[in-house]
All heavy atoms as atom14 arrays in JSON, in Angstrom:
{
  "sequence": "YSQSGGFQGLSFAIPIDVALKVKDQIVATGRASH",
  "atom14_mask": [
    [1, 1, 1, 1, 1, 1, 1, 1, 1, 1, 1, 1, 0, 0],
    [1, 1, 1, 1, 1, 1, 0, 0, 0, 0, 0, 0, 0, 0],
    [1, 1, 1, 1, 1, 1, 1, 1, 1, 0, 0, 0, 0, 0],
    [1, 1, 1, 1, 1, 1, 0, 0, 0, 0, 0, 0, 0, 0],
    [1, 1, 1, 1, 0, 0, 0, 0, 0, 0, 0, 0, 0, 0],
    [1, 1, 1, 1, 0, 0, 0, 0, 0, 0, 0, 0, 0, 0],
    [1, 1, 1, 1, 1, 1, 1, 1, 1, 1, 1, 0, 0, 0],
    [1, 1, 1, 1, 1, 1, 1, 1, 1, 0, 0, 0, 0, 0],
    [1, 1, 1, 1, 0, 0, 0, 0, 0, 0, 0, 0, 0, 0],
    [1, 1, 1, 1, 1, 1, 1, 1, 0, 0, 0, 0, 0, 0],
    [1, 1, 1, 1, 1, 1, 0, 0, 0, 0, 0, 0, 0, 0],
    [1, 1, 1, 1, 1, 1, 1, 1, 1, 1, 1, 0, 0, 0],
    [1, 1, 1, 1, 1, 0, 0, 0, 0, 0, 0, 0, 0, 0],
    [1, 1, 1, 1, 1, 1, 1, 1, 0, 0, 0, 0, 0, 0],
    [1, 1, 1, 1, 1, 1, 1, 0, 0, 0, 0, 0, 0, 0],
    [1, 1, 1, 1, 1, 1, 1, 1, 0, 0, 0, 0, 0, 0],
    [1, 1, 1, 1, 1, 1, 1, 1, 0, 0, 0, 0, 0, 0],
    [1, 1, 1, 1, 1, 1, 1, 0, 0, 0, 0, 0, 0, 0],
    [1, 1, 1, 1, 1, 0, 0, 0, 0, 0, 0, 0, 0, 0],
    [1, 1, 1, 1, 1, 1, 1, 1, 0, 0, 0, 0, 0, 0],
    [1, 1, 1, 1, 1, 1, 1, 1, 1, 0, 0, 0, 0, 0],
    [1, 1, 1, 1, 1, 1, 1, 0, 0, 0, 0, 0, 0, 0],
    [1, 1, 1, 1, 1, 1, 1, 1, 1, 0, 0, 0, 0, 0],
    [1, 1, 1, 1, 1, 1, 1, 1, 0, 0, 0, 0, 0, 0],
    [1, 1, 1, 1, 1, 1, 1, 1, 1, 0, 0, 0, 0, 0],
    [1, 1, 1, 1, 1, 1, 1, 1, 0, 0, 0, 0, 0, 0],
    [1, 1, 1, 1, 1, 1, 1, 0, 0, 0, 0, 0, 0, 0],
    [1, 1, 1, 1, 1, 0, 0, 0, 0, 0, 0, 0, 0, 0],
    [1, 1, 1, 1, 1, 1, 1, 0, 0, 0, 0, 0, 0, 0],
    [1, 1, 1, 1, 0, 0, 0, 0, 0, 0, 0, 0, 0, 0],
    [1, 1, 1, 1, 1, 1, 1, 1, 1, 1, 1, 0, 0, 0],
    [1, 1, 1, 1, 1, 0, 0, 0, 0, 0, 0, 0, 0, 0],
    [1, 1, 1, 1, 1, 1, 0, 0, 0, 0, 0, 0, 0, 0],
    [1, 1, 1, 1, 1, 1, 1, 1, 1, 1, 0, 0, 0, 0]
  ],
  "atom14_positions": [
    [[-7.01, 8.13, 14.4], [-6.0, 8.43, 15.42], [-5.94, 7.22, 16.33], [-6.93, 6.87, 16.97], [-6.43, 9.67, 16.2], [-5.37, 10.24, 17.11], [-4.22, 10.83, 16.59], [-5.54, 10.23, 18.49], [-3.28, 11.39, 17.42], [-4.59, 10.79, 19.33], [-3.46, 11.37, 18.79], [-2.51, 11.92, 19.62], [0.0, 0.0, 0.0], [0.0, 0.0, 0.0]],
    [[-4.79, 6.53, 16.34], [-4.79, 5.2, 16.95], [-3.44, 4.84, 17.54], [-2.39, 5.23, 17.03], [-5.18, 4.17, 15.88], [-5.07, 2.85, 16.38], [0.0, 0.0, 0.0], [0.0, 0.0, 0.0], [0.0, 0.0, 0.0], [0.0, 0.0, 0.0], [0.0, 0.0, 0.0], [0.0, 0.0, 0.0], [0.0, 0.0, 0.0], [0.0, 0.0, 0.0]],
    [[-3.47, 4.09, 18.63], [-2.27, 3.49, 19.2], [-2.03, 2.1, 18.64], [-0.91, 1.6, 18.69], [-2.41, 3.39, 20.72], [-2.51, 4.73, 21.43], [-2.88, 4.56, 22.89], [-3.96, 4.08, 23.21], [-1.97, 4.92, 23.77], [0.0, 0.0, 0.0], [0.0, 0.0, 0.0], [0.0, 0.0, 0.0], [0.0, 0.0, 0.0], [0.0, 0.0, 0.0]],
    [[-3.07, 1.47, 18.12], [-2.98, 0.08, 17.7], [-3.09, -0.12, 16.2], [-2.83, -1.2, 15.7], [-4.1, -0.73, 18.37], [-5.36, -0.26, 17.93], [0.0, 0.0, 0.0], [0.0, 0.0, 0.0], [0.0, 0.0, 0.0], [0.0, 0.0, 0.0], [0.0, 0.0, 0.0], [0.0, 0.0, 0.0], [0.0, 0.0, 0.0], [0.0, 0.0, 0.0]],
    [[-3.49, 0.9, 15.45], [-3.74, 0.75, 14.02], [-5.2, 0.53, 13.72], [-5.62, 0.64, 12.58], [0.0, 0.0, 0.0], [0.0, 0.0, 0.0], [0.0, 0.0, 0.0], [0.0, 0.0, 0.0], [0.0, 0.0, 0.0], [0.0, 0.0, 0.0], [0.0, 0.0, 0.0], [0.0, 0.0, 0.0], [0.0, 0.0, 0.0], [0.0, 0.0, 0.0]],
    [[-6.01, 0.22, 14.77], [-7.45, 0.06, 14.61], [-8.18, 1.22, 15.26], [-7.58, 2.1, 15.88], [0.0, 0.0, 0.0], [0.0, 0.0, 0.0], [0.0, 0.0, 0.0], [0.0, 0.0, 0.0], [0.0, 0.0, 0.0], [0.0, 0.0, 0.0], [0.0, 0.0, 0.0], [0.0, 0.0, 0.0], [0.0, 0.0, 0.0], [0.0, 0.0, 0.0]],
    [[-9.5, 1.22, 15.17], [-10.32, 2.33, 15.67], [-10.24, 2.43, 17.19], [-10.38, 1.46, 17.9], [-11.78, 2.12, 15.24], [-12.72, 3.13, 15.81], [-12.69, 4.44, 15.34], [-13.61, 2.81, 16.81], [-13.55, 5.39, 15.86], [-14.48, 3.75, 17.34], [-14.45, 5.04, 16.85], [0.0, 0.0, 0.0], [0.0, 0.0, 0.0], [0.0, 0.0, 0.0]],
    [[-10.02, 3.67, 17.67], [-9.98, 3.92, 19.11], [-10.76, 5.17, 19.49], [-10.42, 5.86, 20.45], [-8.54, 4.03, 19.6], [-7.81, 2.69, 19.59], [-6.46, 2.76, 20.27], [-5.47, 3.11, 19.65], [-6.42, 2.41, 21.53], [0.0, 0.0, 0.0], [0.0, 0.0, 0.0], [0.0, 0.0, 0.0], [0.0, 0.0, 0.0], [0.0, 0.0, 0.0]],
    [[-11.82, 5.46, 18.72], [-12.71, 6.54, 19.11], [-12.5, 7.85, 18.38], [-13.29, 8.78, 18.56], [0.0, 0.0, 0.0], [0.0, 0.0, 0.0], [0.0, 0.0, 0.0], [0.0, 0.0, 0.0], [0.0, 0.0, 0.0], [0.0, 0.0, 0.0], [0.0, 0.0, 0.0], [0.0, 0.0, 0.0], [0.0, 0.0, 0.0], [0.0, 0.0, 0.0]],
    [[-11.45, 7.96, 17.57], [-11.18, 9.2, 16.86], [-10.99, 8.91, 15.37], [-10.06, 8.2, 14.99], [-9.91, 9.88, 17.39], [-9.94, 10.35, 18.85], [-8.56, 10.79, 19.29], [-10.92, 11.5, 19.02], [0.0, 0.0, 0.0], [0.0, 0.0, 0.0], [0.0, 0.0, 0.0], [0.0, 0.0, 0.0], [0.0, 0.0, 0.0], [0.0, 0.0, 0.0]],
    [[-11.87, 9.44, 14.56], [-11.73, 9.29, 13.11], [-11.97, 10.65, 12.46], [-12.62, 11.53, 13.04], [-12.71, 8.24, 12.56], [-14.04, 8.59, 12.88], [0.0, 0.0, 0.0], [0.0, 0.0, 0.0], [0.0, 0.0, 0.0], [0.0, 0.0, 0.0], [0.0, 0.0, 0.0], [0.0, 0.0, 0.0], [0.0, 0.0, 0.0], [0.0, 0.0, 0.0]],
    [[-11.43, 10.8, 11.24], [-11.45, 12.09, 10.59], [-11.92, 11.94, 9.15], [-11.48, 11.05, 8.43], [-10.05, 12.72, 10.62], [-9.54, 12.93, 12.02], [-8.81, 11.93, 12.65], [-9.81, 14.1, 12.71], [-8.36, 12.1, 13.95], [-9.35, 14.28, 14.01], [-8.62, 13.28, 14.64], [0.0, 0.0, 0.0], [0.0, 0.0, 0.0], [0.0, 0.0, 0.0]],
    [[-12.83, 12.84, 8.75], [-13.4, 12.8, 7.4], [-13.14, 14.12, 6.69], [-13.17, 15.2, 7.3], [-14.91, 12.54, 7.48], [0.0, 0.0, 0.0], [0.0, 0.0, 0.0], [0.0, 0.0, 0.0], [0.0, 0.0, 0.0], [0.0, 0.0, 0.0], [0.0, 0.0, 0.0], [0.0, 0.0, 0.0], [0.0, 0.0, 0.0], [0.0, 0.0, 0.0]],
    [[-12.89, 14.04, 5.38], [-12.71, 15.22, 4.54], [-14.09, 15.78, 4.21], [-14.95, 15.06, 3.69], [-11.98, 14.84, 3.24], [-10.63, 14.19, 3.55], [-11.8, 16.06, 2.33], [-10.04, 13.43, 2.39], [0.0, 0.0, 0.0], [0.0, 0.0, 0.0], [0.0, 0.0, 0.0], [0.0, 0.0, 0.0], [0.0, 0.0, 0.0], [0.0, 0.0, 0.0]],
    [[-14.36, 17.05, 4.48], [-15.67, 17.62, 4.16], [-16.0, 17.45, 2.68], [-15.12, 17.6, 1.81], [-15.52, 19.1, 4.53], [-14.43, 19.13, 5.56], [-13.48, 18.04, 5.14], [0.0, 0.0, 0.0], [0.0, 0.0, 0.0], [0.0, 0.0, 0.0], [0.0, 0.0, 0.0], [0.0, 0.0, 0.0], [0.0, 0.0, 0.0], [0.0, 0.0, 0.0]],
    [[-17.24, 17.14, 2.38], [-17.62, 16.84, 1.01], [-17.5, 18.06, 0.1], [-17.23, 17.93, -1.1], [-19.06, 16.26, 0.93], [-19.35, 15.66, -0.45], [-20.09, 17.3, 1.32], [-18.48, 14.51, -0.83], [0.0, 0.0, 0.0], [0.0, 0.0, 0.0], [0.0, 0.0, 0.0], [0.0, 0.0, 0.0], [0.0, 0.0, 0.0], [0.0, 0.0, 0.0]],
    [[-17.65, 19.28, 0.63], [-17.51, 20.46, -0.22], [-16.07, 20.61, -0.71], [-15.82, 21.04, -1.84], [-18.0, 21.73, 0.47], [-17.33, 21.97, 1.81], [-16.65, 21.06, 2.33], [-17.48, 23.09, 2.36], [0.0, 0.0, 0.0], [0.0, 0.0, 0.0], [0.0, 0.0, 0.0], [0.0, 0.0, 0.0], [0.0, 0.0, 0.0], [0.0, 0.0, 0.0]],
    [[-15.1, 20.23, 0.13], [-13.7, 20.22, -0.29], [-13.51, 19.2, -1.42], [-12.88, 19.48, -2.44], [-12.77, 19.89, 0.89], [-11.33, 19.69, 0.42], [-12.85, 20.98, 1.95], [0.0, 0.0, 0.0], [0.0, 0.0, 0.0], [0.0, 0.0, 0.0], [0.0, 0.0, 0.0], [0.0, 0.0, 0.0], [0.0, 0.0, 0.0], [0.0, 0.0, 0.0]],
    [[-14.07, 18.01, -1.22], [-13.93, 16.94, -2.22], [-14.56, 17.33, -3.55], [-14.02, 17.01, -4.63], [-14.55, 15.65, -1.69], [0.0, 0.0, 0.0], [0.0, 0.0, 0.0], [0.0, 0.0, 0.0], [0.0, 0.0, 0.0], [0.0, 0.0, 0.0], [0.0, 0.0, 0.0], [0.0, 0.0, 0.0], [0.0, 0.0, 0.0], [0.0, 0.0, 0.0]],
    [[-15.71, 18.02, -3.52], [-16.4, 18.37, -4.76], [-15.61, 19.4, -5.56], [-15.6, 19.36, -6.8], [-17.8, 18.9, -4.45], [-18.78, 17.85, -3.92], [-20.11, 18.51, -3.57], [-19.0, 16.74, -4.93], [0.0, 0.0, 0.0], [0.0, 0.0, 0.0], [0.0, 0.0, 0.0], [0.0, 0.0, 0.0], [0.0, 0.0, 0.0], [0.0, 0.0, 0.0]],
    [[-14.96, 20.34, -4.87], [-14.12, 21.31, -5.59], [-12.99, 20.6, -6.33], [-12.7, 20.92, -7.49], [-13.54, 22.33, -4.61], [-14.55, 23.34, -4.08], [-13.87, 24.35, -3.16], [-14.88, 25.37, -2.64], [-14.23, 26.35, -1.73], [0.0, 0.0, 0.0], [0.0, 0.0, 0.0], [0.0, 0.0, 0.0], [0.0, 0.0, 0.0], [0.0, 0.0, 0.0]],
    [[-12.37, 19.65, -5.65], [-11.29, 18.89, -6.28], [-11.84, 18.04, -7.42], [-11.25, 17.97, -8.51], [-10.58, 18.02, -5.23], [-9.57, 17.1, -5.9], [-9.88, 18.9, -4.2], [0.0, 0.0, 0.0], [0.0, 0.0, 0.0], [0.0, 0.0, 0.0], [0.0, 0.0, 0.0], [0.0, 0.0, 0.0], [0.0, 0.0, 0.0], [0.0, 0.0, 0.0]],
    [[-12.98, 17.39, -7.18], [-13.59, 16.55, -8.21], [-13.88, 17.34, -9.48], [-13.58, 16.89, -10.6], [-14.87, 15.93, -7.66], [-15.6, 14.99, -8.63], [-16.68, 15.66, -9.46], [-17.85, 16.12, -8.6], [-18.93, 16.71, -9.46], [0.0, 0.0, 0.0], [0.0, 0.0, 0.0], [0.0, 0.0, 0.0], [0.0, 0.0, 0.0], [0.0, 0.0, 0.0]],
    [[-14.45, 18.53, -9.34], [-14.79, 19.33, -10.51], [-13.56, 19.7, -11.32], [-13.57, 19.68, -12.56], [-15.54, 20.6, -10.09], [-16.95, 20.31, -9.59], [-17.44, 19.2, -9.86], [-17.55, 21.19, -8.95], [0.0, 0.0, 0.0], [0.0, 0.0, 0.0], [0.0, 0.0, 0.0], [0.0, 0.0, 0.0], [0.0, 0.0, 0.0], [0.0, 0.0, 0.0]],
    [[-12.46, 20.03, -10.62], [-11.22, 20.37, -11.34], [-10.66, 19.15, -12.06], [-10.21, 19.26, -13.22], [-10.18, 20.9, -10.35], [-10.51, 22.26, -9.76], [-9.36, 22.78, -8.92], [-8.27, 23.04, -9.42], [-9.6, 22.94, -7.62], [0.0, 0.0, 0.0], [0.0, 0.0, 0.0], [0.0, 0.0, 0.0], [0.0, 0.0, 0.0], [0.0, 0.0, 0.0]],
    [[-10.67, 18.0, -11.4], [-10.12, 16.79, -12.02], [-10.94, 16.38, -13.23], [-10.39, 16.02, -14.28], [-10.03, 15.66, -10.98], [-8.89, 15.95, -10.0], [-9.8, 14.31, -11.66], [-8.78, 14.95, -8.86], [0.0, 0.0, 0.0], [0.0, 0.0, 0.0], [0.0, 0.0, 0.0], [0.0, 0.0, 0.0], [0.0, 0.0, 0.0], [0.0, 0.0, 0.0]],
    [[-12.27, 16.43, -13.12], [-13.12, 16.05, -14.24], [-12.89, 17.0, -15.42], [-12.87, 16.58, -16.59], [-14.61, 16.06, -13.82], [-15.53, 15.93, -15.04], [-14.88, 14.91, -12.86], [0.0, 0.0, 0.0], [0.0, 0.0, 0.0], [0.0, 0.0, 0.0], [0.0, 0.0, 0.0], [0.0, 0.0, 0.0], [0.0, 0.0, 0.0], [0.0, 0.0, 0.0]],
    [[-12.68, 18.29, -15.13], [-12.53, 19.27, -16.2], [-11.14, 19.25, -16.82], [-11.0, 19.41, -18.04], [-12.84, 20.67, -15.67], [0.0, 0.0, 0.0], [0.0, 0.0, 0.0], [0.0, 0.0, 0.0], [0.0, 0.0, 0.0], [0.0, 0.0, 0.0], [0.0, 0.0, 0.0], [0.0, 0.0, 0.0], [0.0, 0.0, 0.0], [0.0, 0.0, 0.0]],
    [[-10.1, 19.08, -16.0], [-8.73, 19.26, -16.5], [-7.8, 18.09, -16.23], [-6.66, 18.08, -16.71], [-8.1, 20.52, -15.86], [-7.9, 20.3, -14.46], [-8.98, 21.74, -16.06], [0.0, 0.0, 0.0], [0.0, 0.0, 0.0], [0.0, 0.0, 0.0], [0.0, 0.0, 0.0], [0.0, 0.0, 0.0], [0.0, 0.0, 0.0], [0.0, 0.0, 0.0]],
    [[-8.21, 17.11, -15.42], [-7.33, 16.0, -15.09], [-6.46, 16.24, -13.89], [-5.69, 15.38, -13.49], [0.0, 0.0, 0.0], [0.0, 0.0, 0.0], [0.0, 0.0, 0.0], [0.0, 0.0, 0.0], [0.0, 0.0, 0.0], [0.0, 0.0, 0.0], [0.0, 0.0, 0.0], [0.0, 0.0, 0.0], [0.0, 0.0, 0.0], [0.0, 0.0, 0.0]],
    [[-6.57, 17.41, -13.26], [-5.73, 17.72, -12.1], [-6.44, 18.74, -11.21], [-7.44, 19.34, -11.6], [-4.39, 18.31, -12.53], [-4.52, 19.57, -13.37], [-3.23, 20.36, -13.43], [-2.9, 20.91, -12.13], [-1.79, 21.6, -11.89], [-0.89, 21.78, -12.84], [-1.55, 22.08, -10.7], [0.0, 0.0, 0.0], [0.0, 0.0, 0.0], [0.0, 0.0, 0.0]],
    [[-5.92, 18.91, -10.02], [-6.43, 19.94, -9.12], [-5.29, 20.89, -8.8], [-4.15, 20.48, -8.65], [-6.97, 19.3, -7.83], [0.0, 0.0, 0.0], [0.0, 0.0, 0.0], [0.0, 0.0, 0.0], [0.0, 0.0, 0.0], [0.0, 0.0, 0.0], [0.0, 0.0, 0.0], [0.0, 0.0, 0.0], [0.0, 0.0, 0.0], [0.0, 0.0, 0.0]],
    [[-5.6, 22.16, -8.7], [-4.58, 23.16, -8.36], [-4.98, 23.87, -7.07], [-6.16, 24.02, -6.76], [-4.42, 24.17, -9.5], [-5.65, 24.83, -9.77], [0.0, 0.0, 0.0], [0.0, 0.0, 0.0], [0.0, 0.0, 0.0], [0.0, 0.0, 0.0], [0.0, 0.0, 0.0], [0.0, 0.0, 0.0], [0.0, 0.0, 0.0], [0.0, 0.0, 0.0]],
    [[-3.98, 24.32, -6.34], [-4.21, 24.97, -5.05], [-3.39, 26.25, -4.97], [-2.28, 26.33, -5.5], [-3.82, 24.04, -3.9], [-4.56, 22.74, -3.91], [-5.82, 22.6, -3.36], [-4.25, 21.54, -4.43], [-6.22, 21.35, -3.53], [-5.29, 20.69, -4.19], [0.0, 0.0, 0.0], [0.0, 0.0, 0.0], [0.0, 0.0, 0.0], [0.0, 0.0, 0.0]]
  ]
}
């Protein structure tokens, strides 16, 4: 979250459990469904 395009104290990360669910679907089928 930035006014300048660089870091200004607010950053956001995707929780790893969300990423692992997507990863497992992609490895198994080539895609993720929601």
